[in-house]
Amino acid sequence: MATEKKVYRLFVRSIAGMGLALLMLLIVTLVGTTNALAASQPASIETLAAGPYAIDVSLSQNPPFADQPFDVIVRPQNSTLQLKGEVIAQPGLGTDATDLHTELSATGDNRGTLKSTIHIPVRGAWNIVIQLEGTRGVGRASIPVTVGAPGAMAPSLAWVIGTSPLVILAVFLWLQHRYRRSLITQLAKQ
């Protein structure tokens, strides 16, 4: 009777330990995913000539995904310029959509940086047109992008979910092996 309680306690401890290990793995994966998504590094930076203005344009996602807003940041190479303008998302060939206009707003830094958030609802070929206006006149620059379908979930989370049955099976087999060994030990003592 005492050995059955011992085996049962050992079994419960093993299950609790493996459950805790799986929970920690899931937490570490989710924290890693969150930190990767929260990174403030732009996905791509291009230097363009928008008429008389030399600008650096950065996209927060490259390629951008449909139905997920992304930032377009325009930084003039000459920080003394006071620019204003808009970002126009124009559908490319084969993309059934209309032009999307968003205003560029100043970020308040001393470099004259402008920022706009775009939400493109249709996947396909698009041109991101930056139209600027300043003391030297009007200028336009264009960046071709291909808007993709949004991902269902982060790849790391998908791997954790996908491999969890294998981990559970391995734990189950390990516990069965330990239980069998304890039974054999008990029978040998009798």
C-alpha atoms as a PDB file:
ATOM      1  CA  MET A   1       0.000   0.000   0.000  1.00  0.00           C
ATOM      2  CA  ALA A   2       2.822   2.410   0.899  1.00  0.00           C
ATOM      3  CA  THR A   3       4.643   1.670  -2.341  1.00  0.00           C
ATOM      4  CA  GLU A   4       1.509   2.446  -4.373  1.00  0.00           C
ATOM      5  CA  LYS A   5       1.337   5.887  -2.744  1.00  0.00           C
ATOM      6  CA  LYS A   6       5.022   6.394  -3.475  1.00  0.00           C
ATOM      7  CA  VAL A   7       4.566   5.474  -7.129  1.00  0.00           C
ATOM      8  CA  TYR A   8       1.476   7.694  -7.379  1.00  0.00           C
ATOM      9  CA  ARG A   9       3.331  10.686  -5.865  1.00  0.00           C
ATOM     10  CA  LEU A  10       6.243  10.099  -8.221  1.00  0.00           C
ATOM     11  CA  PHE A  11       3.840   9.940 -11.156  1.00  0.00           C
ATOM     12  CA  VAL A  12       2.093  13.203 -10.133  1.00  0.00           C
ATOM     13  CA  ARG A  13       5.434  14.964  -9.618  1.00  0.00           C
ATOM     14  CA  SER A  14       6.654  13.840 -13.014  1.00  0.00           C
ATOM     15  CA  ILE A  15       3.479  15.045 -14.750  1.00  0.00           C
ATOM     16  CA  ALA A  16       3.626  18.379 -12.903  1.00  0.00           C
ATOM     17  CA  GLY A  17       7.306  18.819 -13.784  1.00  0.00           C
ATOM     18  CA  MET A  18       6.740  18.132 -17.461  1.00  0.00           C
ATOM     19  CA  GLY A  19       3.715  20.436 -17.513  1.00  0.00           C
ATOM     20  CA  LEU A  20       5.816  23.186 -15.953  1.00  0.00           C
ATOM     21  CA  ALA A  21       8.579  22.596 -18.508  1.00  0.00           C
ATOM     22  CA  LEU A  22       6.083  22.856 -21.387  1.00  0.00           C
ATOM     23  CA  LEU A  23       4.609  26.039 -19.894  1.00  0.00           C
ATOM     24  CA  MET A  24       8.080  27.580 -19.599  1.00  0.00           C
ATOM     25  CA  LEU A  25       8.851  26.649 -23.203  1.00  0.00           C
ATOM     26  CA  LEU A  26       5.641  28.301 -24.365  1.00  0.00           C
ATOM     27  CA  ILE A  27       6.347  31.455 -22.335  1.00  0.00           C
ATOM     28  CA  VAL A  28       9.906  31.710 -23.666  1.00  0.00           C
ATOM     29  CA  THR A  29       8.625  31.294 -27.218  1.00  0.00           C
ATOM     30  CA  LEU A  30       5.929  33.926 -26.826  1.00  0.00           C
ATOM     31  CA  VAL A  31       8.326  36.399 -25.196  1.00  0.00           C
ATOM     32  CA  GLY A  32      10.834  35.864 -28.018  1.00  0.00           C
ATOM     33  CA  THR A  33       8.082  36.445 -30.592  1.00  0.00           C
ATOM     34  CA  THR A  34       6.876  39.590 -28.840  1.00  0.00           C
ATOM     35  CA  ASN A  35      10.386  40.996 -28.613  1.00  0.00           C
ATOM     36  CA  ALA A  36      10.996  40.292 -32.292  1.00  0.00           C
ATOM     37  CA  LEU A  37       7.765  42.033 -33.267  1.00  0.00           C
ATOM     38  CA  ALA A  38       8.450  44.971 -30.969  1.00  0.00           C
ATOM     39  CA  ALA A  39      11.821  45.701 -32.516  1.00  0.00           C
ATOM     40  CA  SER A  40      11.936  49.247 -33.805  1.00  0.00           C
ATOM     41  CA  GLN A  41      14.310  48.507 -36.661  1.00  0.00           C
ATOM     42  CA  PRO A  42      12.823  49.200 -40.097  1.00  0.00           C
ATOM     43  CA  ALA A  43      12.484  46.257 -42.444  1.00  0.00           C
ATOM     44  CA  SER A  44      13.980  48.156 -45.365  1.00  0.00           C
ATOM     45  CA  ILE A  45      15.557  51.551 -46.061  1.00  0.00           C
ATOM     46  CA  GLU A  46      15.933  53.048 -49.523  1.00  0.00           C
ATOM     47  CA  THR A  47      17.527  56.306 -50.623  1.00  0.00           C
ATOM     48  CA  LEU A  48      15.436  58.005 -53.301  1.00  0.00           C
ATOM     49  CA  ALA A  49      15.309  61.243 -55.219  1.00  0.00           C
ATOM     50  CA  ALA A  50      11.879  62.855 -54.911  1.00  0.00           C
ATOM     51  CA  GLY A  51      12.304  65.638 -57.420  1.00  0.00           C
ATOM     52  CA  PRO A  52      14.805  68.080 -55.857  1.00  0.00           C
ATOM     53  CA  TYR A  53      14.818  66.260 -52.504  1.00  0.00           C
ATOM     54  CA  ALA A  54      17.115  63.398 -51.498  1.00  0.00           C
ATOM     55  CA  ILE A  55      15.273  61.270 -48.957  1.00  0.00           C
ATOM     56  CA  ASP A  56      15.663  58.030 -47.053  1.00  0.00           C
ATOM     57  CA  VAL A  57      12.442  56.011 -47.004  1.00  0.00           C
ATOM     58  CA  SER A  58      12.001  53.161 -44.563  1.00  0.00           C
ATOM     59  CA  LEU A  59       9.172  50.655 -44.368  1.00  0.00           C
ATOM     60  CA  SER A  60       8.373  48.940 -41.065  1.00  0.00           C
ATOM     61  CA  GLN A  61       7.411  45.754 -42.973  1.00  0.00           C
ATOM     62  CA  ASN A  62       8.931  44.496 -46.170  1.00  0.00           C
ATOM     63  CA  PRO A  63       6.997  42.885 -47.695  1.00  0.00           C
ATOM     64  CA  PRO A  64       3.932  44.423 -46.092  1.00  0.00           C
ATOM     65  CA  PHE A  65       0.929  42.208 -45.418  1.00  0.00           C
ATOM     66  CA  ALA A  66      -2.700  42.827 -46.360  1.00  0.00           C
ATOM     67  CA  ASP A  67      -4.894  44.088 -43.519  1.00  0.00           C
ATOM     68  CA  GLN A  68      -1.889  44.910 -41.335  1.00  0.00           C
ATOM     69  CA  PRO A  69      -0.946  48.588 -41.014  1.00  0.00           C
ATOM     70  CA  PHE A  70       2.692  49.470 -41.558  1.00  0.00           C
ATOM     71  CA  ASP A  71       4.705  52.663 -41.225  1.00  0.00           C
ATOM     72  CA  VAL A  72       6.393  54.640 -43.967  1.00  0.00           C
ATOM     73  CA  ILE A  73       9.075  56.936 -42.557  1.00  0.00           C
ATOM     74  CA  VAL A  74      10.560  59.646 -44.759  1.00  0.00           C
ATOM     75  CA  ARG A  75      13.777  61.313 -43.601  1.00  0.00           C
ATOM     76  CA  PRO A  76      15.257  64.097 -45.756  1.00  0.00           C
ATOM     77  CA  GLN A  77      19.040  63.962 -46.090  1.00  0.00           C
ATOM     78  CA  ASN A  78      19.090  67.739 -45.587  1.00  0.00           C
ATOM     79  CA  SER A  79      17.570  68.150 -42.118  1.00  0.00           C
ATOM     80  CA  THR A  80      16.998  71.911 -42.574  1.00  0.00           C
ATOM     81  CA  LEU A  81      14.232  71.310 -45.131  1.00  0.00           C
ATOM     82  CA  GLN A  82      10.695  71.754 -43.860  1.00  0.00           C
ATOM     83  CA  LEU A  83       8.795  69.222 -45.934  1.00  0.00           C
ATOM     84  CA  LYS A  84       5.186  68.143 -45.945  1.00  0.00           C
ATOM     85  CA  GLY A  85       3.368  65.719 -48.161  1.00  0.00           C
ATOM     86  CA  GLU A  86       1.490  62.497 -48.474  1.00  0.00           C
ATOM     87  CA  VAL A  87       1.966  58.825 -49.212  1.00  0.00           C
ATOM     88  CA  ILE A  88      -0.131  57.339 -51.994  1.00  0.00           C
ATOM     89  CA  ALA A  89      -0.488  53.584 -52.321  1.00  0.00           C
ATOM     90  CA  GLN A  90      -1.283  52.904 -55.981  1.00  0.00           C
ATOM     91  CA  PRO A  91      -2.333  49.407 -57.083  1.00  0.00           C
ATOM     92  CA  GLY A  92      -0.087  47.844 -59.696  1.00  0.00           C
ATOM     93  CA  LEU A  93      -0.987  45.711 -62.686  1.00  0.00           C
ATOM     94  CA  GLY A  94      -3.416  42.946 -61.830  1.00  0.00           C
ATOM     95  CA  THR A  95      -4.375  44.378 -58.441  1.00  0.00           C
ATOM     96  CA  ASP A  96      -8.047  45.305 -58.236  1.00  0.00           C
ATOM     97  CA  ALA A  97      -8.078  48.288 -55.854  1.00  0.00           C
ATOM     98  CA  THR A  98      -8.119  52.083 -55.705  1.00  0.00           C
ATOM     99  CA  ASP A  99      -5.471  54.593 -54.664  1.00  0.00           C
ATOM    100  CA  LEU A 100      -5.028  55.074 -50.938  1.00  0.00           C
ATOM    101  CA  HIS A 101      -3.925  58.494 -49.650  1.00  0.00           C
ATOM    102  CA  THR A 102      -2.426  59.145 -46.216  1.00  0.00           C
ATOM    103  CA  GLU A 103      -0.849  62.351 -44.945  1.00  0.00           C
ATOM    104  CA  LEU A 104       2.741  62.491 -43.788  1.00  0.00           C
ATOM    105  CA  SER A 105       3.025  64.035 -40.336  1.00  0.00           C
ATOM    106  CA  ALA A 106       6.125  65.383 -38.616  1.00  0.00           C
ATOM    107  CA  THR A 107       7.560  63.175 -35.893  1.00  0.00           C
ATOM    108  CA  GLY A 108       8.992  66.130 -33.974  1.00  0.00           C
ATOM    109  CA  ASP A 109      12.642  65.200 -34.171  1.00  0.00           C
ATOM    110  CA  ASN A 110      15.302  67.708 -35.270  1.00  0.00           C
ATOM    111  CA  ARG A 111      16.006  65.808 -38.510  1.00  0.00           C
ATOM    112  CA  GLY A 112      12.716  66.716 -40.250  1.00  0.00           C
ATOM    113  CA  THR A 113      11.419  63.140 -40.231  1.00  0.00           C
ATOM    114  CA  LEU A 114       7.912  62.502 -41.554  1.00  0.00           C
ATOM    115  CA  LYS A 115       5.791  59.445 -40.813  1.00  0.00           C
ATOM    116  CA  SER A 116       2.630  57.884 -42.189  1.00  0.00           C
ATOM    117  CA  THR A 117       0.773  54.682 -41.410  1.00  0.00           C
ATOM    118  CA  ILE A 118      -0.743  52.794 -44.350  1.00  0.00           C
ATOM    119  CA  HIS A 119      -3.315  50.034 -44.264  1.00  0.00           C
ATOM    120  CA  ILE A 120      -3.503  48.175 -47.583  1.00  0.00           C
ATOM    121  CA  PRO A 121      -6.535  45.849 -47.704  1.00  0.00           C
ATOM    122  CA  VAL A 122      -5.706  43.969 -50.938  1.00  0.00           C
ATOM    123  CA  ARG A 123      -2.715  41.773 -51.626  1.00  0.00           C
ATOM    124  CA  GLY A 124      -0.816  42.085 -54.881  1.00  0.00           C
ATOM    125  CA  ALA A 125       1.495  44.540 -56.620  1.00  0.00           C
ATOM    126  CA  TRP A 126       1.488  48.113 -55.276  1.00  0.00           C
ATOM    127  CA  ASN A 127       3.536  51.278 -55.717  1.00  0.00           C
ATOM    128  CA  ILE A 128       4.205  53.363 -52.619  1.00  0.00           C
ATOM    129  CA  VAL A 129       4.442  56.928 -53.930  1.00  0.00           C
ATOM    130  CA  ILE A 130       5.900  59.639 -51.683  1.00  0.00           C
ATOM    131  CA  GLN A 131       4.781  63.087 -52.757  1.00  0.00           C
ATOM    132  CA  LEU A 132       6.654  65.927 -51.047  1.00  0.00           C
ATOM    133  CA  GLU A 133       6.265  69.679 -51.064  1.00  0.00           C
ATOM    134  CA  GLY A 134       8.803  72.179 -49.763  1.00  0.00           C
ATOM    135  CA  THR A 135      10.794  75.322 -50.555  1.00  0.00           C
ATOM    136  CA  ARG A 136      12.308  73.759 -53.685  1.00  0.00           C
ATOM    137  CA  GLY A 137       8.950  72.746 -55.152  1.00  0.00           C
ATOM    138  CA  VAL A 138       7.122  69.445 -55.504  1.00  0.00           C
ATOM    139  CA  GLY A 139       8.784  66.058 -55.818  1.00  0.00           C
ATOM    140  CA  ARG A 140       7.672  62.433 -56.140  1.00  0.00           C
ATOM    141  CA  ALA A 141       9.368  59.116 -55.551  1.00  0.00           C
ATOM    142  CA  SER A 142       8.021  55.600 -55.866  1.00  0.00           C
ATOM    143  CA  ILE A 143       8.809  52.242 -54.272  1.00  0.00           C
ATOM    144  CA  PRO A 144       7.312  49.061 -55.778  1.00  0.00           C
ATOM    145  CA  VAL A 145       6.149  46.520 -53.187  1.00  0.00           C
ATOM    146  CA  THR A 146       4.271  43.255 -53.273  1.00  0.00           C
ATOM    147  CA  VAL A 147       1.695  43.032 -50.506  1.00  0.00           C
ATOM    148  CA  GLY A 148       1.409  39.483 -49.233  1.00  0.00           C
ATOM    149  CA  ALA A 149      -1.281  37.550 -47.432  1.00  0.00           C
ATOM    150  CA  PRO A 150      -1.056  37.835 -43.660  1.00  0.00           C
ATOM    151  CA  GLY A 151       0.503  34.949 -41.786  1.00  0.00           C
ATOM    152  CA  ALA A 152      -1.769  32.931 -39.538  1.00  0.00           C
ATOM    153  CA  MET A 153       0.642  32.967 -36.591  1.00  0.00           C
ATOM    154  CA  ALA A 154       4.266  33.451 -35.678  1.00  0.00           C
ATOM    155  CA  PRO A 155       6.471  30.594 -36.903  1.00  0.00           C
ATOM    156  CA  SER A 156       7.935  29.976 -33.454  1.00  0.00           C
ATOM    157  CA  LEU A 157       4.475  29.565 -31.944  1.00  0.00           C
ATOM    158  CA  ALA A 158       3.506  27.243 -34.796  1.00  0.00           C
ATOM    159  CA  TRP A 159       6.557  25.071 -34.063  1.00  0.00           C
ATOM    160  CA  VAL A 160       5.696  24.897 -30.353  1.00  0.00           C
ATOM    161  CA  ILE A 161       2.113  23.886 -31.110  1.00  0.00           C
ATOM    162  CA  GLY A 162       3.165  21.448 -33.816  1.00  0.00           C
ATOM    163  CA  THR A 163       5.795  19.655 -31.746  1.00  0.00           C
ATOM    164  CA  SER A 164       3.832  19.546 -28.485  1.00  0.00           C
ATOM    165  CA  PRO A 165       2.196  16.165 -29.310  1.00  0.00           C
ATOM    166  CA  LEU A 166       5.664  14.666 -29.763  1.00  0.00           C
ATOM    167  CA  VAL A 167       6.791  16.056 -26.418  1.00  0.00           C
ATOM    168  CA  ILE A 168       3.643  14.765 -24.718  1.00  0.00           C
ATOM    169  CA  LEU A 169       4.149  11.329 -26.289  1.00  0.00           C
ATOM    170  CA  ALA A 170       7.787  11.250 -25.181  1.00  0.00           C
ATOM    171  CA  VAL A 171       6.798  12.193 -21.616  1.00  0.00           C
ATOM    172  CA  PHE A 172       4.072   9.548 -21.600  1.00  0.00           C
ATOM    173  CA  LEU A 173       6.498   6.840 -22.779  1.00  0.00           C
ATOM    174  CA  TRP A 174       9.115   7.923 -20.250  1.00  0.00           C
ATOM    175  CA  LEU A 175       6.551   7.794 -17.412  1.00  0.00           C
ATOM    176  CA  GLN A 176       5.371   4.352 -18.530  1.00  0.00           C
ATOM    177  CA  HIS A 177       8.950   3.121 -18.582  1.00  0.00           C
ATOM    178  CA  ARG A 178       9.580   4.456 -15.055  1.00  0.00           C
ATOM    179  CA  TYR A 179       6.316   2.929 -13.818  1.00  0.00           C
ATOM    180  CA  ARG A 180       7.217  -0.431 -15.335  1.00  0.00           C
ATOM    181  CA  ARG A 181      10.662  -0.321 -13.714  1.00  0.00           C
ATOM    182  CA  SER A 182       9.105   0.452 -10.323  1.00  0.00           C
ATOM    183  CA  LEU A 183       6.682  -2.476 -10.709  1.00  0.00           C
ATOM    184  CA  ILE A 184       9.524  -4.836 -11.625  1.00  0.00           C
ATOM    185  CA  THR A 185      11.502  -3.594  -8.601  1.00  0.00           C
ATOM    186  CA  GLN A 186       8.487  -4.159  -6.339  1.00  0.00           C
ATOM    187  CA  LEU A 187       7.939  -7.672  -7.666  1.00  0.00           C
ATOM    188  CA  ALA A 188      11.607  -8.500  -7.228  1.00  0.00           C
ATOM    189  CA  LYS A 189      11.460  -7.426  -3.560  1.00  0.00           C
ATOM    190  CA  GLN A 190       8.464  -9.699  -2.871  1.00  0.00           C
END
